[in-house]
Amino acid sequence: MLAALDDETRDWVQALKNKVGGPCCDTADGFPVEVDGWDMAGTVDDTSGMTQWEASNARSGYRVRLADGEWHDVPNFALIDAKTNKLGYAVVWLLPRGSLQIYCFLPRSGGLRKVPQALMAPNLQRFLAPT
């Protein structure tokens, strides 16, 4: 994903961390998500009676459709504030590579913006569901 970015934006993406301090991206670990491949229609867990650990793993309300065709809830710890998004489109990071476990999710910010075609590499189809 990062090859098509300018140096400043690439550095910003590489510095992203999830809410527990885990780095989201090193090189091309993030997968752009098309506009209809994510939404805010997921479940939001009531965290009032949870421990901090349970609350960080609770569902945030965001969800992403992955390669298995299913919607996967984004855990609270993985959610990155959309207001910080310098890309303009959503990105998901999975861990470990090749699994369907969401490690970081950066929602799209601002207006409707499709993912640039240069970033939609053929191998992304392994992870993201077709739209």
N, C-alpha and C. Protein backbone atom coordinates (compact mmCIF):
# COMPACT_ATOMS: atom_id res chain seq x y z
N MET A 1 0.81 -1.18 0.00
CA MET A 1 0.00 0.00 0.00
C MET A 1 0.86 1.26 0.00
N LEU A 2 1.99 1.25 0.66
CA LEU A 2 2.74 2.48 0.87
C LEU A 2 3.54 2.94 -0.34
N ALA A 3 3.75 2.11 -1.32
CA ALA A 3 4.59 2.49 -2.45
C ALA A 3 4.07 3.72 -3.17
N ALA A 4 2.77 3.92 -3.24
CA ALA A 4 2.18 5.02 -3.99
C ALA A 4 2.05 6.30 -3.17
N LEU A 5 2.55 6.34 -1.96
CA LEU A 5 2.39 7.50 -1.08
C LEU A 5 3.63 8.39 -1.10
N ASP A 6 3.42 9.69 -0.87
CA ASP A 6 4.57 10.58 -0.74
C ASP A 6 5.27 10.28 0.58
N ASP A 7 6.50 10.77 0.73
CA ASP A 7 7.32 10.45 1.90
C ASP A 7 6.66 10.85 3.22
N GLU A 8 6.06 12.04 3.28
CA GLU A 8 5.44 12.51 4.51
C GLU A 8 4.28 11.62 4.93
N THR A 9 3.44 11.28 3.96
CA THR A 9 2.29 10.43 4.27
C THR A 9 2.74 9.02 4.62
N ARG A 10 3.74 8.50 3.93
CA ARG A 10 4.27 7.16 4.23
C ARG A 10 4.79 7.12 5.67
N ASP A 11 5.53 8.15 6.09
CA ASP A 11 6.04 8.20 7.46
C ASP A 11 4.89 8.24 8.46
N TRP A 12 3.85 9.02 8.14
CA TRP A 12 2.68 9.10 9.03
C TRP A 12 2.02 7.73 9.18
N VAL A 13 1.82 7.02 8.07
CA VAL A 13 1.19 5.69 8.12
C VAL A 13 2.06 4.73 8.92
N GLN A 14 3.36 4.76 8.70
CA GLN A 14 4.25 3.85 9.42
C GLN A 14 4.29 4.12 10.91
N ALA A 15 3.91 5.33 11.34
CA ALA A 15 3.91 5.68 12.76
C ALA A 15 2.59 5.35 13.46
N LEU A 16 1.56 4.93 12.70
CA LEU A 16 0.26 4.63 13.32
C LEU A 16 0.36 3.49 14.31
N LYS A 17 -0.36 3.63 15.42
CA LYS A 17 -0.43 2.58 16.44
C LYS A 17 -1.88 2.41 16.86
N ASN A 18 -2.23 1.18 17.25
CA ASN A 18 -3.57 0.96 17.76
C ASN A 18 -3.63 1.45 19.21
N LYS A 19 -4.77 1.31 19.86
CA LYS A 19 -4.95 1.88 21.19
C LYS A 19 -4.16 1.19 22.30
N VAL A 20 -3.59 0.02 22.02
CA VAL A 20 -2.74 -0.64 23.01
C VAL A 20 -1.26 -0.44 22.68
N GLY A 21 -0.99 0.42 21.69
CA GLY A 21 0.38 0.77 21.36
C GLY A 21 1.05 -0.10 20.33
N GLY A 22 0.30 -1.05 19.76
CA GLY A 22 0.87 -1.91 18.73
C GLY A 22 0.97 -1.19 17.40
N PRO A 23 2.11 -1.30 16.71
CA PRO A 23 2.25 -0.64 15.42
C PRO A 23 1.33 -1.28 14.38
N CYS A 24 0.70 -0.44 13.58
CA CYS A 24 -0.23 -0.94 12.57
C CYS A 24 0.48 -1.36 11.30
N CYS A 25 1.48 -0.60 10.90
CA CYS A 25 2.03 -0.78 9.57
C CYS A 25 3.54 -0.67 9.59
N ASP A 26 4.18 -1.53 8.82
CA ASP A 26 5.61 -1.41 8.65
C ASP A 26 5.92 -1.09 7.20
N THR A 27 5.41 -1.92 6.30
CA THR A 27 5.66 -1.64 4.88
C THR A 27 4.34 -1.65 4.13
N ALA A 28 3.93 -2.78 3.63
CA ALA A 28 2.69 -2.85 2.85
C ALA A 28 1.67 -3.72 3.57
N ASP A 29 1.58 -3.56 4.89
CA ASP A 29 0.70 -4.42 5.68
C ASP A 29 -0.76 -3.99 5.68
N GLY A 30 -1.03 -2.74 5.37
CA GLY A 30 -2.40 -2.24 5.40
C GLY A 30 -3.11 -2.49 4.08
N PHE A 31 -4.42 -2.75 4.19
CA PHE A 31 -5.22 -3.01 3.00
C PHE A 31 -6.30 -1.95 2.87
N PRO A 32 -6.28 -1.16 1.78
CA PRO A 32 -7.35 -0.18 1.56
C PRO A 32 -8.70 -0.87 1.47
N VAL A 33 -9.72 -0.23 2.01
CA VAL A 33 -11.06 -0.80 2.02
C VAL A 33 -11.98 0.12 1.21
N GLU A 34 -12.65 -0.43 0.22
CA GLU A 34 -13.58 0.35 -0.59
C GLU A 34 -14.70 0.89 0.27
N VAL A 35 -15.39 1.90 -0.24
CA VAL A 35 -16.45 2.59 0.49
C VAL A 35 -17.51 1.62 1.01
N ASP A 36 -17.89 0.63 0.22
CA ASP A 36 -18.93 -0.30 0.66
C ASP A 36 -18.38 -1.54 1.36
N GLY A 37 -17.10 -1.52 1.73
CA GLY A 37 -16.49 -2.64 2.43
C GLY A 37 -16.35 -2.43 3.92
N TRP A 38 -16.89 -1.31 4.43
CA TRP A 38 -16.87 -1.04 5.87
C TRP A 38 -18.06 -0.17 6.20
N ASP A 39 -18.49 -0.22 7.46
CA ASP A 39 -19.59 0.65 7.88
C ASP A 39 -19.60 0.76 9.40
N MET A 40 -20.61 1.46 9.90
CA MET A 40 -20.77 1.64 11.34
C MET A 40 -22.04 0.94 11.83
N ALA A 41 -22.40 -0.15 11.18
CA ALA A 41 -23.62 -0.88 11.52
C ALA A 41 -23.34 -2.09 12.41
N GLY A 42 -22.13 -2.18 12.93
CA GLY A 42 -21.78 -3.30 13.79
C GLY A 42 -22.32 -3.12 15.20
N THR A 43 -22.06 -4.09 16.01
CA THR A 43 -22.50 -4.09 17.40
C THR A 43 -21.57 -3.22 18.25
N VAL A 44 -22.17 -2.43 19.14
CA VAL A 44 -21.40 -1.67 20.12
C VAL A 44 -21.66 -2.32 21.47
N ASP A 45 -20.61 -2.84 22.09
CA ASP A 45 -20.76 -3.49 23.38
C ASP A 45 -20.83 -2.46 24.51
N ASP A 46 -21.65 -2.75 25.51
CA ASP A 46 -21.71 -1.93 26.72
C ASP A 46 -20.50 -2.29 27.56
N THR A 47 -19.59 -1.35 27.70
CA THR A 47 -18.33 -1.62 28.41
C THR A 47 -18.36 -1.19 29.88
N SER A 48 -19.50 -0.71 30.35
CA SER A 48 -19.57 -0.15 31.70
C SER A 48 -19.20 -1.16 32.80
N GLY A 49 -19.51 -2.43 32.63
CA GLY A 49 -19.19 -3.42 33.65
C GLY A 49 -17.98 -4.26 33.31
N MET A 50 -17.20 -3.84 32.32
CA MET A 50 -16.06 -4.63 31.87
C MET A 50 -14.76 -4.15 32.49
N THR A 51 -13.80 -5.07 32.57
CA THR A 51 -12.44 -4.67 32.94
C THR A 51 -11.85 -3.90 31.76
N GLN A 52 -10.73 -3.24 31.98
CA GLN A 52 -10.08 -2.48 30.90
C GLN A 52 -9.74 -3.40 29.74
N TRP A 53 -9.24 -4.59 30.04
CA TRP A 53 -8.88 -5.55 28.99
C TRP A 53 -10.11 -5.96 28.19
N GLU A 54 -11.20 -6.29 28.88
CA GLU A 54 -12.43 -6.68 28.19
C GLU A 54 -12.96 -5.54 27.33
N ALA A 55 -12.91 -4.31 27.87
CA ALA A 55 -13.41 -3.15 27.13
C ALA A 55 -12.58 -2.90 25.87
N SER A 56 -11.28 -3.12 25.94
CA SER A 56 -10.44 -2.88 24.75
C SER A 56 -10.73 -3.90 23.66
N ASN A 57 -11.20 -5.09 24.04
CA ASN A 57 -11.55 -6.12 23.06
C ASN A 57 -13.02 -6.09 22.66
N ALA A 58 -13.79 -5.21 23.29
CA ALA A 58 -15.22 -5.10 22.97
C ALA A 58 -15.39 -4.54 21.55
N ARG A 59 -16.56 -4.76 21.00
CA ARG A 59 -16.85 -4.31 19.64
C ARG A 59 -17.13 -2.80 19.62
N SER A 60 -16.57 -2.11 18.62
CA SER A 60 -16.60 -0.65 18.54
C SER A 60 -17.80 -0.10 17.79
N GLY A 61 -18.50 -0.93 17.04
CA GLY A 61 -19.58 -0.46 16.19
C GLY A 61 -19.17 -0.41 14.73
N TYR A 62 -17.87 -0.32 14.47
CA TYR A 62 -17.37 -0.39 13.10
C TYR A 62 -17.25 -1.86 12.71
N ARG A 63 -17.39 -2.12 11.42
CA ARG A 63 -17.16 -3.47 10.92
C ARG A 63 -16.60 -3.40 9.51
N VAL A 64 -15.88 -4.46 9.12
CA VAL A 64 -15.22 -4.54 7.82
C VAL A 64 -15.58 -5.88 7.20
N ARG A 65 -15.89 -5.87 5.90
CA ARG A 65 -16.16 -7.13 5.20
C ARG A 65 -14.84 -7.65 4.65
N LEU A 66 -14.47 -8.87 5.07
CA LEU A 66 -13.19 -9.46 4.69
C LEU A 66 -13.39 -10.57 3.66
N ALA A 67 -12.32 -11.26 3.32
CA ALA A 67 -12.31 -12.23 2.22
C ALA A 67 -13.29 -13.37 2.38
N ASP A 68 -13.67 -13.69 3.61
CA ASP A 68 -14.63 -14.78 3.79
C ASP A 68 -16.05 -14.34 3.47
N GLY A 69 -16.22 -13.07 3.05
CA GLY A 69 -17.53 -12.54 2.70
C GLY A 69 -18.35 -12.08 3.89
N GLU A 70 -17.82 -12.27 5.09
CA GLU A 70 -18.52 -11.93 6.32
C GLU A 70 -18.08 -10.56 6.82
N TRP A 71 -18.97 -9.93 7.58
CA TRP A 71 -18.64 -8.68 8.26
C TRP A 71 -17.95 -9.03 9.58
N HIS A 72 -16.82 -8.40 9.86
CA HIS A 72 -16.07 -8.63 11.09
C HIS A 72 -16.09 -7.34 11.91
N ASP A 73 -16.50 -7.46 13.17
CA ASP A 73 -16.53 -6.30 14.06
C ASP A 73 -15.11 -5.86 14.38
N VAL A 74 -14.91 -4.55 14.42
CA VAL A 74 -13.62 -3.97 14.78
C VAL A 74 -13.57 -3.82 16.29
N PRO A 75 -12.57 -4.44 16.95
CA PRO A 75 -12.47 -4.27 18.41
C PRO A 75 -12.03 -2.84 18.75
N ASN A 76 -12.43 -2.38 19.93
CA ASN A 76 -12.08 -1.02 20.35
C ASN A 76 -10.59 -0.73 20.25
N PHE A 77 -9.75 -1.69 20.65
CA PHE A 77 -8.31 -1.43 20.66
C PHE A 77 -7.76 -1.17 19.27
N ALA A 78 -8.43 -1.67 18.23
CA ALA A 78 -7.92 -1.56 16.86
C ALA A 78 -8.31 -0.26 16.17
N LEU A 79 -9.28 0.44 16.72
CA LEU A 79 -9.84 1.63 16.08
C LEU A 79 -8.91 2.84 16.21
N ILE A 80 -8.62 3.45 15.07
CA ILE A 80 -7.82 4.67 15.01
C ILE A 80 -8.77 5.81 14.67
N ASP A 81 -8.61 6.95 15.30
CA ASP A 81 -9.49 8.09 15.11
C ASP A 81 -9.51 8.54 13.65
N ALA A 82 -10.70 8.54 13.04
CA ALA A 82 -10.84 8.92 11.63
C ALA A 82 -10.42 10.36 11.37
N LYS A 83 -10.51 11.22 12.38
CA LYS A 83 -10.13 12.63 12.20
C LYS A 83 -8.64 12.77 11.89
N THR A 84 -7.85 11.75 12.20
CA THR A 84 -6.42 11.81 11.93
C THR A 84 -6.07 11.26 10.55
N ASN A 85 -7.05 10.75 9.81
CA ASN A 85 -6.79 10.07 8.55
C ASN A 85 -6.31 11.04 7.48
N LYS A 86 -5.06 10.92 7.08
CA LYS A 86 -4.49 11.75 6.02
C LYS A 86 -4.67 11.12 4.64
N LEU A 87 -5.19 9.91 4.59
CA LEU A 87 -5.34 9.20 3.32
C LEU A 87 -6.66 9.51 2.63
N GLY A 88 -7.72 9.68 3.42
CA GLY A 88 -9.03 9.96 2.85
C GLY A 88 -9.83 8.71 2.53
N TYR A 89 -9.28 7.53 2.73
CA TYR A 89 -9.99 6.27 2.54
C TYR A 89 -9.66 5.35 3.71
N ALA A 90 -10.51 4.35 3.91
CA ALA A 90 -10.35 3.43 5.04
C ALA A 90 -9.24 2.41 4.75
N VAL A 91 -8.57 2.00 5.84
CA VAL A 91 -7.51 0.99 5.75
C VAL A 91 -7.66 0.03 6.92
N VAL A 92 -7.48 -1.26 6.65
CA VAL A 92 -7.51 -2.27 7.71
C VAL A 92 -6.18 -3.02 7.72
N TRP A 93 -5.72 -3.34 8.92
CA TRP A 93 -4.51 -4.15 9.11
C TRP A 93 -4.93 -5.42 9.83
N LEU A 94 -4.45 -6.54 9.33
CA LEU A 94 -4.79 -7.85 9.90
C LEU A 94 -3.56 -8.47 10.54
N LEU A 95 -3.79 -9.22 11.63
CA LEU A 95 -2.67 -9.85 12.31
C LEU A 95 -3.09 -11.21 12.82
N PRO A 96 -2.27 -12.22 12.72
CA PRO A 96 -1.04 -12.17 11.94
C PRO A 96 -1.37 -12.11 10.46
N ARG A 97 -0.38 -11.77 9.68
CA ARG A 97 -0.62 -11.66 8.24
C ARG A 97 -1.26 -12.95 7.75
N GLY A 98 -2.30 -12.79 6.95
CA GLY A 98 -2.98 -13.96 6.40
C GLY A 98 -4.19 -14.38 7.20
N SER A 99 -4.38 -13.83 8.39
CA SER A 99 -5.55 -14.18 9.19
C SER A 99 -6.64 -13.16 8.94
N LEU A 100 -7.78 -13.37 9.55
CA LEU A 100 -8.87 -12.42 9.43
C LEU A 100 -9.09 -11.71 10.76
N GLN A 101 -8.05 -11.57 11.56
CA GLN A 101 -8.12 -10.85 12.83
C GLN A 101 -7.73 -9.40 12.59
N ILE A 102 -8.62 -8.47 12.93
CA ILE A 102 -8.37 -7.05 12.72
C ILE A 102 -7.48 -6.52 13.84
N TYR A 103 -6.33 -5.97 13.46
CA TYR A 103 -5.36 -5.45 14.42
C TYR A 103 -5.45 -3.93 14.52
N CYS A 104 -5.69 -3.29 13.37
CA CYS A 104 -5.88 -1.83 13.31
C CYS A 104 -6.91 -1.53 12.24
N PHE A 105 -7.71 -0.49 12.49
CA PHE A 105 -8.66 -0.04 11.47
C PHE A 105 -8.71 1.48 11.50
N LEU A 106 -8.46 2.08 10.35
CA LEU A 106 -8.50 3.52 10.16
C LEU A 106 -9.70 3.84 9.27
N PRO A 107 -10.80 4.35 9.85
CA PRO A 107 -11.96 4.69 9.02
C PRO A 107 -11.64 5.84 8.06
N ARG A 108 -12.43 5.93 7.02
CA ARG A 108 -12.30 7.02 6.06
C ARG A 108 -12.69 8.32 6.74
N SER A 109 -12.02 9.38 6.39
CA SER A 109 -12.36 10.69 6.93
C SER A 109 -12.96 11.55 5.83
N GLY A 110 -13.69 12.56 6.23
CA GLY A 110 -14.21 13.54 5.27
C GLY A 110 -15.21 12.96 4.30
N GLY A 111 -15.24 13.51 3.11
CA GLY A 111 -16.21 13.12 2.09
C GLY A 111 -15.91 11.79 1.45
N LEU A 112 -16.79 11.39 0.59
CA LEU A 112 -16.68 10.12 -0.12
C LEU A 112 -15.45 10.14 -1.02
N ARG A 113 -14.59 9.18 -0.85
CA ARG A 113 -13.39 9.07 -1.67
C ARG A 113 -13.09 7.61 -1.89
N LYS A 114 -13.02 7.21 -3.15
CA LYS A 114 -12.71 5.82 -3.46
C LYS A 114 -11.20 5.59 -3.32
N VAL A 115 -10.85 4.34 -3.11
CA VAL A 115 -9.44 3.96 -3.01
C VAL A 115 -8.81 4.10 -4.39
N PRO A 116 -7.65 4.75 -4.49
CA PRO A 116 -6.97 4.84 -5.78
C PRO A 116 -6.66 3.45 -6.33
N GLN A 117 -6.91 3.22 -7.60
CA GLN A 117 -6.70 1.90 -8.21
C GLN A 117 -5.27 1.41 -8.05
N ALA A 118 -4.30 2.32 -8.04
CA ALA A 118 -2.89 1.92 -7.90
C ALA A 118 -2.65 1.20 -6.59
N LEU A 119 -3.51 1.41 -5.59
CA LEU A 119 -3.32 0.77 -4.29
C LEU A 119 -4.04 -0.57 -4.18
N MET A 120 -4.92 -0.87 -5.11
CA MET A 120 -5.70 -2.10 -5.03
C MET A 120 -4.98 -3.23 -5.76
N ALA A 121 -3.96 -3.76 -5.12
CA ALA A 121 -3.16 -4.85 -5.69
C ALA A 121 -3.98 -6.13 -5.76
N PRO A 122 -3.69 -7.01 -6.73
CA PRO A 122 -4.45 -8.26 -6.87
C PRO A 122 -4.44 -9.14 -5.63
N ASN A 123 -3.37 -9.16 -4.85
CA ASN A 123 -3.31 -10.03 -3.68
C ASN A 123 -4.24 -9.58 -2.56
N LEU A 124 -4.81 -8.39 -2.66
CA LEU A 124 -5.74 -7.92 -1.64
C LEU A 124 -7.01 -8.77 -1.61
N GLN A 125 -7.34 -9.39 -2.73
CA GLN A 125 -8.56 -10.19 -2.79
C GLN A 125 -8.54 -11.35 -1.81
N ARG A 126 -7.35 -11.77 -1.37
CA ARG A 126 -7.26 -12.82 -0.36
C ARG A 126 -7.87 -12.38 0.95
N PHE A 127 -7.84 -11.08 1.24
CA PHE A 127 -8.23 -10.57 2.54
C PHE A 127 -9.53 -9.79 2.54
N LEU A 128 -9.77 -9.03 1.49
CA LEU A 128 -10.95 -8.18 1.44
C LEU A 128 -11.98 -8.78 0.50
N ALA A 129 -13.22 -8.77 0.91
CA ALA A 129 -14.29 -9.34 0.09
C ALA A 129 -14.52 -8.49 -1.14
N PRO A 130 -14.90 -9.11 -2.25
CA PRO A 130 -15.23 -8.32 -3.43
C PRO A 130 -16.47 -7.47 -3.17
N THR A 131 -16.50 -6.29 -3.76
CA THR A 131 -17.63 -5.38 -3.52
C THR A 131 -18.62 -5.44 -4.65
